[in-house]
N, C-alpha and C. Protein backbone atom coordinates (compact mmCIF):
# COMPACT_ATOMS: atom_id res chain seq x y z
N MET A 1 146.66 154.56 127.91
CA MET A 1 145.60 154.03 126.53
C MET A 1 145.17 155.32 125.91
N ALA A 2 145.42 154.70 124.22
CA ALA A 2 145.38 155.44 122.99
C ALA A 2 143.59 156.19 123.20
N LEU A 3 143.78 157.54 123.24
CA LEU A 3 142.47 158.33 123.01
C LEU A 3 141.70 158.16 122.10
N ALA A 4 142.48 158.41 120.73
CA ALA A 4 141.94 158.52 119.44
C ALA A 4 140.96 156.88 119.11
N PRO A 5 141.88 155.88 119.43
CA PRO A 5 141.45 154.45 119.18
C PRO A 5 140.05 154.50 120.11
N LEU A 6 140.09 154.85 121.10
CA LEU A 6 139.16 154.75 122.08
C LEU A 6 137.99 155.15 121.42
N LEU A 7 137.64 156.80 121.22
CA LEU A 7 137.01 157.17 120.74
C LEU A 7 136.52 156.94 119.88
N VAL A 8 136.95 156.20 118.47
CA VAL A 8 136.30 155.67 117.64
C VAL A 8 135.89 154.16 117.59
N GLY A 9 136.35 153.51 118.75
CA GLY A 9 135.87 152.08 119.15
C GLY A 9 134.52 152.19 119.86
N ILE A 10 134.57 153.59 120.66
CA ILE A 10 132.84 153.76 121.71
C ILE A 10 131.81 154.50 120.52
N PHE A 11 132.54 155.07 119.23
CA PHE A 11 131.51 155.38 118.44
C PHE A 11 131.01 154.34 117.67
N LEU A 12 131.27 153.20 117.42
CA LEU A 12 131.32 152.07 116.41
C LEU A 12 130.41 151.22 117.22
N ALA A 13 131.34 150.87 118.52
CA ALA A 13 130.28 149.98 119.15
C ALA A 13 128.65 150.73 119.58
N TYR A 14 128.89 152.47 119.96
CA TYR A 14 127.71 152.76 120.41
C TYR A 14 126.28 152.60 119.19
N ILE A 15 127.11 152.72 117.69
CA ILE A 15 126.33 152.74 117.01
C ILE A 15 125.65 151.27 116.89
N LEU A 16 126.49 150.15 116.62
CA LEU A 16 125.95 148.97 116.52
C LEU A 16 125.01 148.41 117.84
N GLY A 17 125.39 148.53 118.63
CA GLY A 17 124.41 148.63 119.92
C GLY A 17 122.90 149.28 119.88
N SER A 18 122.86 150.49 119.24
CA SER A 18 121.89 151.16 118.81
C SER A 18 121.11 150.42 117.84
N ILE A 19 121.30 149.88 116.88
CA ILE A 19 120.81 148.96 115.83
C ILE A 19 119.73 148.51 116.53
N PRO A 20 118.21 148.89 116.29
CA PRO A 20 116.93 148.61 116.62
C PRO A 20 116.57 147.27 116.15
N THR A 21 116.97 146.16 116.12
CA THR A 21 116.61 145.20 115.39
C THR A 21 115.16 144.52 115.44
N ALA A 22 114.45 144.46 116.72
CA ALA A 22 113.28 143.93 116.65
C ALA A 22 112.70 144.87 116.01
N VAL A 23 112.41 146.42 116.12
CA VAL A 23 111.60 147.18 115.23
C VAL A 23 111.80 147.45 113.87
N TRP A 24 113.48 147.42 112.77
CA TRP A 24 113.41 147.69 111.94
C TRP A 24 112.53 145.71 111.09
N PHE A 25 113.27 144.75 111.74
CA PHE A 25 112.73 143.35 110.98
C PHE A 25 111.64 143.61 111.32
N GLY A 26 110.65 144.22 112.62
CA GLY A 26 109.10 143.94 112.25
C GLY A 26 108.57 144.62 111.08
N LYS A 27 108.84 145.66 111.42
CA LYS A 27 108.28 146.54 110.05
C LYS A 27 108.84 146.10 108.76
N MET A 28 110.41 145.77 108.54
CA MET A 28 110.48 145.40 107.44
C MET A 28 110.01 144.15 106.47
N MET A 29 109.74 143.21 107.79
CA MET A 29 109.27 141.33 107.35
C MET A 29 107.95 141.80 107.67
N TYR A 30 107.34 142.13 108.60
CA TYR A 30 105.79 142.26 108.84
C TYR A 30 104.90 143.31 109.03
N GLY A 31 105.66 144.27 108.43
CA GLY A 31 104.72 145.23 108.81
C GLY A 31 104.44 145.99 110.13
N ILE A 32 104.99 145.57 110.86
CA ILE A 32 104.51 145.66 112.40
C ILE A 32 105.66 146.50 113.52
N ASP A 33 105.19 147.31 114.11
CA ASP A 33 105.97 148.01 114.92
C ASP A 33 106.08 147.26 115.95
N VAL A 34 106.92 146.48 116.88
CA VAL A 34 106.53 145.81 117.97
C VAL A 34 106.39 146.42 119.25
N ARG A 35 107.00 147.78 119.24
CA ARG A 35 106.40 148.96 120.33
C ARG A 35 104.71 149.49 120.77
N GLU A 36 104.56 148.88 119.31
CA GLU A 36 102.78 149.17 119.64
C GLU A 36 102.06 147.51 120.09
N HIS A 37 102.78 146.59 120.30
CA HIS A 37 102.06 145.10 120.79
C HIS A 37 102.49 144.91 122.05
N GLY A 38 102.09 144.21 122.09
CA GLY A 38 102.79 143.35 123.54
C GLY A 38 103.23 144.13 124.66
N SER A 39 104.45 143.91 125.06
CA SER A 39 104.85 144.71 126.54
C SER A 39 105.09 146.55 125.85
N GLY A 40 105.38 146.49 124.32
CA GLY A 40 106.15 147.45 124.06
C GLY A 40 107.50 147.98 123.92
N ASN A 41 108.05 146.30 124.52
CA ASN A 41 109.61 146.82 124.52
C ASN A 41 110.28 146.60 123.26
N PRO A 42 110.81 147.03 122.47
CA PRO A 42 111.60 146.99 121.01
C PRO A 42 112.66 145.91 121.73
N GLY A 43 112.58 144.62 121.83
CA GLY A 43 113.46 143.41 122.05
C GLY A 43 113.28 142.22 121.92
N ALA A 44 113.87 141.40 122.05
CA ALA A 44 114.00 139.69 121.20
C ALA A 44 112.52 139.12 122.32
N THR A 45 112.25 139.44 123.36
CA THR A 45 111.23 138.83 124.18
C THR A 45 109.72 139.00 123.83
N ASN A 46 109.91 140.57 123.45
CA ASN A 46 108.52 141.06 123.14
C ASN A 46 108.52 140.64 121.31
N THR A 47 109.51 140.40 120.84
CA THR A 47 109.36 139.94 119.59
C THR A 47 108.66 138.51 119.17
N PHE A 48 109.17 137.63 120.25
CA PHE A 48 108.77 136.50 120.61
C PHE A 48 107.33 136.53 120.99
N ARG A 49 106.82 137.47 121.62
CA ARG A 49 105.60 137.27 121.61
C ARG A 49 104.67 137.77 120.84
N VAL A 50 105.23 138.70 120.03
CA VAL A 50 104.26 139.52 119.00
C VAL A 50 104.24 138.48 117.57
N LEU A 51 105.62 138.47 117.27
CA LEU A 51 105.55 137.93 115.91
C LEU A 51 105.99 136.36 115.68
N GLY A 52 106.18 135.77 117.03
CA GLY A 52 106.12 134.07 116.81
C GLY A 52 107.98 133.67 117.51
N LYS A 53 107.86 132.73 117.47
CA LYS A 53 109.65 132.13 117.41
C LYS A 53 110.54 132.35 116.62
N ARG A 54 110.03 131.88 115.18
CA ARG A 54 110.96 132.47 114.42
C ARG A 54 111.60 133.60 114.47
N ALA A 55 110.76 134.94 114.18
CA ALA A 55 110.85 136.08 114.18
C ALA A 55 111.77 136.62 115.83
N GLY A 56 111.41 135.66 116.64
CA GLY A 56 112.19 136.11 117.81
C GLY A 56 113.60 135.72 117.92
N THR A 57 113.82 134.55 117.59
CA THR A 57 114.87 133.72 117.40
C THR A 57 116.00 134.55 116.54
N ILE A 58 115.32 135.24 115.30
CA ILE A 58 116.34 135.91 114.48
C ILE A 58 116.64 137.22 115.19
N VAL A 59 115.87 138.01 115.69
CA VAL A 59 116.04 139.44 116.35
C VAL A 59 117.20 138.96 117.79
N MET A 60 117.05 137.87 118.31
CA MET A 60 118.09 137.72 119.41
C MET A 60 119.08 137.44 119.04
N LEU A 61 119.28 136.33 117.88
CA LEU A 61 120.42 136.04 117.18
C LEU A 61 121.10 137.49 116.81
N ALA A 62 120.79 138.20 116.18
CA ALA A 62 121.17 139.44 115.15
C ALA A 62 121.79 140.37 116.94
N ASP A 63 120.59 140.60 117.81
CA ASP A 63 120.87 141.50 118.92
C ASP A 63 122.58 140.46 119.51
N ILE A 64 122.63 139.47 119.57
CA ILE A 64 123.38 138.77 120.29
C ILE A 64 124.81 139.24 119.35
N ILE A 65 124.53 138.93 118.13
CA ILE A 65 125.86 139.57 117.28
C ILE A 65 126.47 140.81 116.81
N LYS A 66 125.53 141.53 117.62
CA LYS A 66 125.61 142.93 117.36
C LYS A 66 126.73 143.15 118.44
N GLY A 67 126.22 142.74 119.64
CA GLY A 67 127.15 142.96 120.93
C GLY A 67 128.49 142.22 121.15
N MET A 68 128.58 141.07 120.09
CA MET A 68 130.15 140.53 119.75
C MET A 68 130.80 141.10 118.76
N LEU A 69 130.00 141.57 117.97
CA LEU A 69 130.70 142.60 117.22
C LEU A 69 131.24 143.98 117.46
N ALA A 70 130.55 144.76 118.42
CA ALA A 70 130.91 146.14 118.97
C ALA A 70 132.24 145.41 120.17
N THR A 71 131.88 144.61 120.90
CA THR A 71 133.02 144.07 121.85
C THR A 71 134.40 144.28 120.90
N SER A 72 134.34 142.88 119.91
CA SER A 72 135.37 142.54 118.96
C SER A 72 135.97 143.69 118.15
N VAL A 73 135.25 145.01 118.61
CA VAL A 73 136.11 146.45 117.94
C VAL A 73 137.65 146.43 118.61
N ALA A 74 137.68 145.78 119.70
CA ALA A 74 138.79 145.79 120.39
C ALA A 74 139.76 145.13 119.42
N VAL A 75 139.51 144.19 118.94
CA VAL A 75 140.53 143.06 118.31
C VAL A 75 141.37 143.57 117.11
N LEU A 76 139.84 144.27 116.42
CA LEU A 76 140.35 144.95 115.05
C LEU A 76 141.40 146.10 115.43
N LEU A 77 141.56 146.63 116.65
CA LEU A 77 142.16 147.92 116.91
C LEU A 77 143.46 147.18 116.97
N LEU A 78 143.18 146.41 118.03
CA LEU A 78 144.72 145.55 118.54
C LEU A 78 145.63 144.93 117.02
N ARG A 79 145.11 144.15 116.38
CA ARG A 79 145.37 143.97 114.97
C ARG A 79 145.72 144.96 113.80
N LEU A 80 145.15 146.23 114.16
CA LEU A 80 145.68 147.41 113.50
C LEU A 80 146.88 148.30 114.08
N ASN A 81 147.04 147.62 115.53
CA ASN A 81 148.53 148.12 116.24
C ASN A 81 148.01 149.31 116.51
N LEU A 82 146.89 149.59 117.11
CA LEU A 82 146.45 150.87 117.23
C LEU A 82 146.07 150.99 118.94
N ILE A 83 146.26 149.56 119.62
CA ILE A 83 146.46 149.50 121.12
C ILE A 83 147.19 148.19 121.55
N GLU A 84 147.53 148.39 122.40
CA GLU A 84 148.86 147.21 123.13
C GLU A 84 147.81 145.94 123.95
N GLU A 85 148.46 145.27 123.34
CA GLU A 85 147.83 143.68 124.10
C GLU A 85 147.17 143.45 125.27
N GLN A 86 148.19 144.28 125.98
CA GLN A 86 147.30 144.71 127.55
C GLN A 86 146.43 145.16 127.71
N ASN A 87 145.72 146.18 127.43
CA ASN A 87 144.82 146.68 127.17
C ASN A 87 143.50 146.12 126.51
N LEU A 88 144.29 145.15 125.98
CA LEU A 88 142.68 144.18 125.20
C LEU A 88 140.90 144.26 125.80
N VAL A 89 141.32 143.61 127.06
CA VAL A 89 140.24 143.03 127.78
C VAL A 89 139.55 144.58 127.98
N THR A 90 140.25 145.55 128.72
CA THR A 90 139.83 146.59 128.95
C THR A 90 139.10 147.28 128.25
N PHE A 91 139.47 147.22 126.82
CA PHE A 91 138.84 147.72 125.48
C PHE A 91 137.59 146.97 125.30
N LYS A 92 137.81 145.93 125.31
CA LYS A 92 136.55 144.86 125.15
C LYS A 92 135.57 145.29 125.66
N LEU A 93 136.15 145.49 127.13
CA LEU A 93 134.80 145.52 128.37
C LEU A 93 134.13 146.85 128.21
N ILE A 94 134.96 147.88 127.88
CA ILE A 94 134.31 149.12 127.76
C ILE A 94 133.40 149.50 126.29
N PHE A 95 133.79 148.94 125.25
CA PHE A 95 133.25 148.63 124.05
C PHE A 95 131.68 147.70 124.14
N GLY A 96 131.97 146.87 124.85
CA GLY A 96 130.74 146.14 125.24
C GLY A 96 129.58 146.92 125.57
N VAL A 97 130.14 147.27 126.91
CA VAL A 97 129.16 148.34 127.81
C VAL A 97 128.86 149.26 126.90
N VAL A 98 129.06 149.89 126.45
CA VAL A 98 128.87 150.95 125.58
C VAL A 98 127.87 150.19 124.64
N ALA A 99 127.99 149.21 123.58
CA ALA A 99 126.85 148.54 123.20
C ALA A 99 125.90 148.12 123.34
N VAL A 100 125.82 147.87 124.97
CA VAL A 100 124.55 147.50 125.88
C VAL A 100 124.10 148.67 125.94
N PHE A 101 124.43 149.86 126.39
CA PHE A 101 124.00 151.02 126.60
C PHE A 101 123.21 151.95 125.05
N GLY A 102 123.96 151.25 124.05
CA GLY A 102 123.63 151.81 122.53
C GLY A 102 121.82 150.96 122.58
N HIS A 103 122.11 149.46 122.79
CA HIS A 103 120.64 148.96 122.93
C HIS A 103 119.63 149.66 123.86
N ILE A 104 119.90 149.94 124.95
CA ILE A 104 118.76 150.43 125.94
C ILE A 104 118.84 151.86 125.44
N PHE A 105 119.80 152.43 125.11
CA PHE A 105 119.42 154.23 124.82
C PHE A 105 119.47 154.16 123.20
N SER A 106 118.85 153.58 121.88
CA SER A 106 119.16 154.03 120.69
C SER A 106 119.01 155.15 120.44
N VAL A 107 120.30 155.27 119.61
CA VAL A 107 120.05 156.81 119.13
C VAL A 107 119.05 156.57 117.56
N PHE A 108 118.47 155.55 117.05
CA PHE A 108 117.61 155.75 116.11
C PHE A 108 116.39 155.57 117.01
N LEU A 109 115.94 155.32 118.19
CA LEU A 109 114.72 155.26 118.75
C LEU A 109 114.67 156.66 119.82
N ASN A 110 115.11 157.52 119.70
CA ASN A 110 114.84 158.65 120.31
C ASN A 110 115.70 158.50 121.66
N PHE A 111 116.74 157.24 121.85
CA PHE A 111 117.18 157.13 123.10
C PHE A 111 116.66 156.75 123.94
N LYS A 112 115.61 155.58 122.98
CA LYS A 112 114.67 154.67 123.92
C LYS A 112 115.18 153.28 123.07
N GLY A 113 115.26 152.21 123.62
CA GLY A 113 115.47 151.26 123.59
C GLY A 113 114.98 149.51 124.35
N GLY A 114 115.48 148.46 123.91
CA GLY A 114 115.05 147.17 124.91
C GLY A 114 116.19 147.15 125.96
N LYS A 115 115.78 145.88 126.38
CA LYS A 115 116.54 145.53 127.77
C LYS A 115 118.09 145.36 127.93
N GLY A 116 118.87 144.74 126.91
CA GLY A 116 119.92 144.59 126.48
C GLY A 116 120.60 143.17 126.85
N VAL A 117 119.98 142.33 127.35
CA VAL A 117 120.22 141.24 127.74
C VAL A 117 120.87 140.25 126.06
N ALA A 118 120.31 140.33 125.38
CA ALA A 118 121.04 139.78 124.29
C ALA A 118 122.31 140.15 123.83
N THR A 119 122.16 141.41 123.65
CA THR A 119 123.27 142.39 123.39
C THR A 119 124.65 142.21 124.68
N LEU A 120 124.43 142.09 125.74
CA LEU A 120 125.18 141.57 126.73
C LEU A 120 125.57 140.25 126.65
N LEU A 121 124.86 139.32 126.61
CA LEU A 121 125.41 137.88 126.13
C LEU A 121 126.25 138.11 125.10
N GLY A 122 125.96 138.54 123.87
CA GLY A 122 127.20 138.58 122.53
C GLY A 122 128.46 139.46 122.96
N MET A 123 128.35 140.38 124.16
CA MET A 123 129.05 140.70 124.59
C MET A 123 130.40 139.37 125.63
N MET A 124 129.46 139.29 126.39
CA MET A 124 130.28 138.17 126.98
C MET A 124 130.89 136.66 126.18
N ILE A 125 129.98 136.63 125.15
CA ILE A 125 130.47 135.66 124.24
C ILE A 125 131.63 135.98 123.85
N ALA A 126 132.12 137.34 123.33
CA ALA A 126 132.96 137.65 122.61
C ALA A 126 134.48 138.00 123.75
N ILE A 127 134.29 138.22 125.25
CA ILE A 127 135.07 138.38 125.95
C ILE A 127 135.57 136.72 126.77
N HIS A 128 134.49 135.97 126.90
CA HIS A 128 135.01 134.54 127.34
C HIS A 128 133.56 133.58 127.02
N TYR A 129 133.84 133.30 126.13
CA TYR A 129 132.69 132.20 125.25
C TYR A 129 132.52 131.23 126.45
N GLU A 130 133.35 130.56 127.28
CA GLU A 130 133.14 129.37 127.69
C GLU A 130 132.10 129.61 128.91
N VAL A 131 132.45 130.79 129.52
CA VAL A 131 131.75 131.22 131.05
C VAL A 131 130.09 131.37 130.21
N ALA A 132 130.05 132.34 129.03
CA ALA A 132 128.77 132.86 128.35
C ALA A 132 128.48 131.36 127.87
N LEU A 133 128.68 130.57 127.68
CA LEU A 133 127.92 129.13 127.28
C LEU A 133 127.18 128.53 128.78
N LEU A 134 128.34 128.60 129.68
CA LEU A 134 127.31 128.42 130.98
C LEU A 134 126.55 128.98 131.51
N CYS A 135 126.31 130.20 131.15
CA CYS A 135 125.08 131.45 131.33
C CYS A 135 124.10 130.72 130.91
N ILE A 136 124.06 130.61 129.45
CA ILE A 136 122.96 130.32 128.83
C ILE A 136 121.93 128.79 129.27
N VAL A 137 123.22 127.90 129.81
CA VAL A 137 122.43 126.71 130.50
C VAL A 137 121.94 127.35 131.45
N VAL A 138 122.69 128.17 132.31
CA VAL A 138 121.95 129.04 133.59
C VAL A 138 120.51 129.29 133.45
N PHE A 139 120.40 130.26 132.60
CA PHE A 139 119.45 130.92 131.98
C PHE A 139 118.37 129.75 131.65
N LEU A 140 118.35 128.85 130.70
CA LEU A 140 117.39 128.10 130.26
C LEU A 140 116.65 126.95 131.71
N ILE A 141 118.12 126.92 132.79
CA ILE A 141 117.23 126.12 133.73
C ILE A 141 116.56 126.76 134.15
N SER A 142 116.78 128.30 134.54
CA SER A 142 116.38 129.30 135.09
C SER A 142 114.71 129.17 134.52
N LEU A 143 114.85 129.66 133.43
CA LEU A 143 113.48 129.97 132.42
C LEU A 143 112.32 128.76 132.93
N ILE A 144 113.38 127.40 132.49
CA ILE A 144 112.14 126.21 132.79
C ILE A 144 111.53 126.21 134.31
N VAL A 145 112.48 126.50 135.28
CA VAL A 145 111.66 126.18 136.63
C VAL A 145 110.91 127.14 137.17
N THR A 146 111.51 128.81 136.71
CA THR A 146 110.64 129.84 137.21
C THR A 146 109.31 130.44 136.51
N LYS A 147 109.86 130.25 134.59
CA LYS A 147 108.64 130.65 134.00
C LYS A 147 108.91 131.62 133.29
N TYR A 148 109.49 132.81 133.93
CA TYR A 148 110.26 133.88 133.84
C TYR A 148 111.52 134.48 133.12
N VAL A 149 111.09 135.25 132.12
CA VAL A 149 112.36 135.43 131.01
C VAL A 149 113.25 136.38 131.58
N SER A 150 112.13 137.39 132.65
CA SER A 150 113.06 138.70 133.03
C SER A 150 113.83 138.26 134.43
N LEU A 151 113.50 137.19 135.32
CA LEU A 151 114.00 136.56 136.19
C LEU A 151 115.63 135.53 135.82
N SER A 152 115.60 135.00 134.93
CA SER A 152 115.95 133.96 134.11
C SER A 152 117.47 134.94 133.88
N SER A 153 116.99 135.87 132.92
CA SER A 153 118.03 136.99 132.89
C SER A 153 119.04 137.58 133.70
N ILE A 154 118.21 138.00 135.05
CA ILE A 154 119.14 138.31 136.08
C ILE A 154 119.83 137.36 136.45
N ILE A 155 119.55 136.03 136.78
CA ILE A 155 120.21 135.15 137.17
C ILE A 155 121.29 134.73 136.59
N SER A 156 121.46 134.73 135.47
CA SER A 156 122.16 134.26 134.56
C SER A 156 122.92 135.60 134.16
N ALA A 157 123.15 136.81 134.20
CA ALA A 157 123.51 138.05 134.35
C ALA A 157 124.41 137.86 135.87
N LEU A 158 123.89 137.71 136.86
CA LEU A 158 124.74 137.32 137.70
C LEU A 158 125.67 136.08 137.96
N ALA A 159 125.50 135.00 137.17
CA ALA A 159 125.95 133.93 137.27
C ALA A 159 127.78 134.30 136.64
N PHE A 160 127.64 134.90 135.37
CA PHE A 160 128.82 135.65 135.02
C PHE A 160 130.11 135.76 135.88
N PRO A 161 129.75 137.07 136.50
CA PRO A 161 131.26 137.27 137.58
C PRO A 161 131.38 136.15 138.87
N THR A 162 130.12 135.47 138.85
CA THR A 162 130.18 134.47 140.02
C THR A 162 131.07 133.44 139.65
N PHE A 163 130.96 132.94 138.53
CA PHE A 163 131.70 131.88 137.97
C PHE A 163 132.93 132.22 137.75
N LEU A 164 133.43 133.14 137.48
CA LEU A 164 135.00 134.17 137.34
C LEU A 164 135.55 133.87 138.82
N LEU A 165 134.46 134.08 139.59
CA LEU A 165 135.22 134.34 140.88
C LEU A 165 135.42 133.00 141.68
N PHE A 166 134.53 131.79 141.52
CA PHE A 166 134.81 130.85 142.15
C PHE A 166 134.64 129.65 141.69
N ILE A 167 134.97 129.40 140.09
CA ILE A 167 135.26 128.46 139.65
C ILE A 167 136.45 128.48 139.33
N PRO A 168 137.54 127.18 139.83
CA PRO A 168 139.11 127.56 139.37
C PRO A 168 138.99 127.45 137.83
N ARG A 169 138.56 126.84 136.99
CA ARG A 169 138.67 126.52 135.69
C ARG A 169 138.90 128.14 134.91
N PHE A 170 137.62 128.69 135.29
CA PHE A 170 137.49 130.60 134.85
C PHE A 170 138.27 131.42 135.55
N LYS A 171 139.08 131.07 136.88
CA LYS A 171 139.57 132.02 137.40
C LYS A 171 140.32 133.27 136.50
N THR A 172 140.32 134.74 136.68
CA THR A 172 140.88 135.32 135.91
C THR A 172 141.82 136.14 136.68
N ASN A 173 142.89 136.85 136.29
CA ASN A 173 144.01 137.48 137.01
C ASN A 173 143.45 139.16 136.05
N GLU A 174 142.19 139.23 135.55
CA GLU A 174 141.87 140.90 135.32
C GLU A 174 140.57 141.08 136.52
N PRO A 175 140.98 141.38 137.25
CA PRO A 175 139.66 142.17 138.19
C PRO A 175 138.95 143.09 137.52
N LEU A 176 139.37 143.78 136.68
CA LEU A 176 138.37 144.44 135.88
C LEU A 176 137.28 143.71 135.62
N LEU A 177 137.49 142.39 134.61
CA LEU A 177 136.31 141.85 134.13
C LEU A 177 135.33 141.58 135.28
N ILE A 178 135.62 141.12 136.55
CA ILE A 178 134.88 140.71 137.41
C ILE A 178 133.71 141.82 137.84
N ILE A 179 134.60 142.86 138.06
CA ILE A 179 133.94 144.64 138.79
C ILE A 179 133.08 144.97 137.59
N PHE A 180 133.17 144.71 136.17
CA PHE A 180 132.24 144.98 135.19
C PHE A 180 131.16 144.08 135.22
N GLY A 181 131.48 143.07 135.27
CA GLY A 181 130.35 141.94 135.46
C GLY A 181 129.22 142.14 136.22
N PHE A 182 129.88 142.47 137.54
CA PHE A 182 128.58 142.80 138.68
C PHE A 182 127.82 144.00 137.94
N PHE A 183 128.75 144.89 137.72
CA PHE A 183 127.88 146.26 137.33
C PHE A 183 126.96 146.35 135.94
N LEU A 184 127.70 145.06 135.46
CA LEU A 184 126.56 144.61 134.38
C LEU A 184 125.34 143.91 134.67
N PHE A 185 125.10 143.28 135.53
CA PHE A 185 124.13 142.69 136.72
C PHE A 185 123.44 143.42 136.65
N ILE A 186 123.68 144.87 137.40
CA ILE A 186 123.08 145.88 138.30
C ILE A 186 122.46 146.10 137.07
N ILE A 187 122.88 146.50 136.13
CA ILE A 187 122.44 147.40 134.84
C ILE A 187 121.04 146.04 134.42
N ILE A 188 121.30 145.28 134.13
CA ILE A 188 120.30 144.10 134.00
C ILE A 188 118.74 144.04 134.88
N VAL A 189 119.47 144.34 136.16
CA VAL A 189 118.56 144.08 137.31
C VAL A 189 117.41 145.73 137.22
N TRP A 190 118.53 146.64 137.14
CA TRP A 190 117.71 148.01 136.59
C TRP A 190 117.04 148.20 135.33
N THR A 191 117.30 147.72 134.31
CA THR A 191 116.65 147.37 133.16
C THR A 191 115.22 146.79 133.55
N HIS A 192 115.05 145.72 134.14
CA HIS A 192 113.95 144.64 134.67
C HIS A 192 113.26 145.08 135.91
N HIS A 193 113.63 146.16 136.64
CA HIS A 193 112.89 146.64 137.63
C HIS A 193 111.31 146.72 137.31
N LYS A 194 110.62 147.06 136.23
CA LYS A 194 109.36 146.75 136.03
C LYS A 194 108.86 145.09 136.05
N ASN A 195 109.71 144.48 135.66
CA ASN A 195 109.08 143.02 135.25
C ASN A 195 109.18 142.78 136.78
N ILE A 196 110.71 143.36 137.84
CA ILE A 196 110.29 142.67 139.00
C ILE A 196 109.38 142.87 140.03
N LYS A 197 108.64 143.85 140.48
CA LYS A 197 107.40 144.83 140.25
C LYS A 197 106.28 143.63 139.85
N ARG A 198 106.48 143.28 138.99
CA ARG A 198 105.00 142.36 138.12
C ARG A 198 105.27 141.00 138.53
N ILE A 199 106.38 140.72 138.89
CA ILE A 199 107.05 139.06 139.20
C ILE A 199 106.15 138.67 140.78
N ALA A 200 106.55 140.38 141.42
CA ALA A 200 106.44 140.46 143.15
C ALA A 200 104.95 140.40 143.42
N VAL A 201 103.88 140.56 142.12
CA VAL A 201 102.54 141.18 142.35
C VAL A 201 101.87 139.87 141.92
N GLY A 202 102.21 139.13 141.05
CA GLY A 202 101.81 138.08 140.04
C GLY A 202 101.31 138.36 138.63
N GLU A 203 101.96 139.38 138.67
CA GLU A 203 101.44 139.60 137.15
C GLU A 203 102.27 139.94 135.75
N GLU A 204 103.46 139.04 136.29
CA GLU A 204 104.31 139.14 134.96
C GLU A 204 103.90 137.88 134.05
N SER A 205 104.18 137.58 132.71
CA SER A 205 103.76 136.97 132.16
C SER A 205 105.05 135.89 132.32
N LYS A 206 104.33 134.56 131.97
CA LYS A 206 105.33 133.53 132.07
C LYS A 206 105.32 132.89 130.44
N THR A 207 106.77 132.46 130.28
CA THR A 207 107.14 131.44 129.36
C THR A 207 107.36 130.18 129.69
N TYR A 208 106.90 129.63 128.86
CA TYR A 208 106.57 127.59 129.39
C TYR A 208 107.68 127.39 128.21
N LEU A 209 108.78 127.10 128.44
CA LEU A 209 110.02 126.53 127.18
C LEU A 209 109.41 125.50 127.05
N VAL A 210 109.27 124.36 128.39
CA VAL A 210 108.69 123.11 128.15
C VAL A 210 107.32 122.90 128.62
N LYS A 211 106.55 122.48 127.33
CA LYS A 211 105.22 122.80 127.64
C LYS A 211 104.79 121.28 128.44
N THR A 212 103.80 121.61 129.43
CA THR A 212 103.77 120.46 130.03
C THR A 212 101.76 120.40 129.98
N LYS A 213 101.19 119.66 130.27
CA LYS A 213 99.64 119.84 130.40
C LYS A 213 99.07 120.36 130.97
N LYS A 214 99.71 121.05 132.05
CA LYS A 214 98.75 122.14 132.53
C LYS A 214 98.99 123.12 132.30
N SER A 215 100.36 123.76 131.31
CA SER A 215 100.63 124.89 130.61
C SER A 215 99.50 124.82 129.51
N ASN A 216 99.36 123.89 128.59
CA ASN A 216 98.82 123.83 127.12
C ASN A 216 97.05 124.18 127.97
């Protein structure tokens, strides 16, 4: 494995992942630091709570895109003949994970950050868009049923390696992809441990994707 391209890719992926979209967008467009409101988390979910659906959607899409771009740095290195094709998936995984860590430990926010779900989704799209789209469906169904964004994020993160393992259409000859899938699931569980505790005691905020008379 070429060391110089790996280090350059890791640096670029970390910087991309570190971009604090929610904080910068909130300050520039609304004059509001989302860290001072709601849950205090500098991510898309808290942006939805604090600034509304339009702002939350923009931040979420931006976080997805930065995950895609960071992961796709591997494709750029391949086209520049700096890495070999058989190493492409490995480099994608490394850069994607680094981007997620960049979001969680942003250099621009004193190594604090969001929970990395949207950035992780961007990584998944760049690696296997079909399975990623299925995971979005799983997330939406889980959100409708449970009303918890955090729990739905955890379930959809677990769905990614599970689909690769058990659905014949998506089975892969890259065991590293499945291993990293479960590894990232563990990361998502870890970043949501406070949410899990709040769910257990009935204190977690609910999100009603589909409005009902009872929820209005």
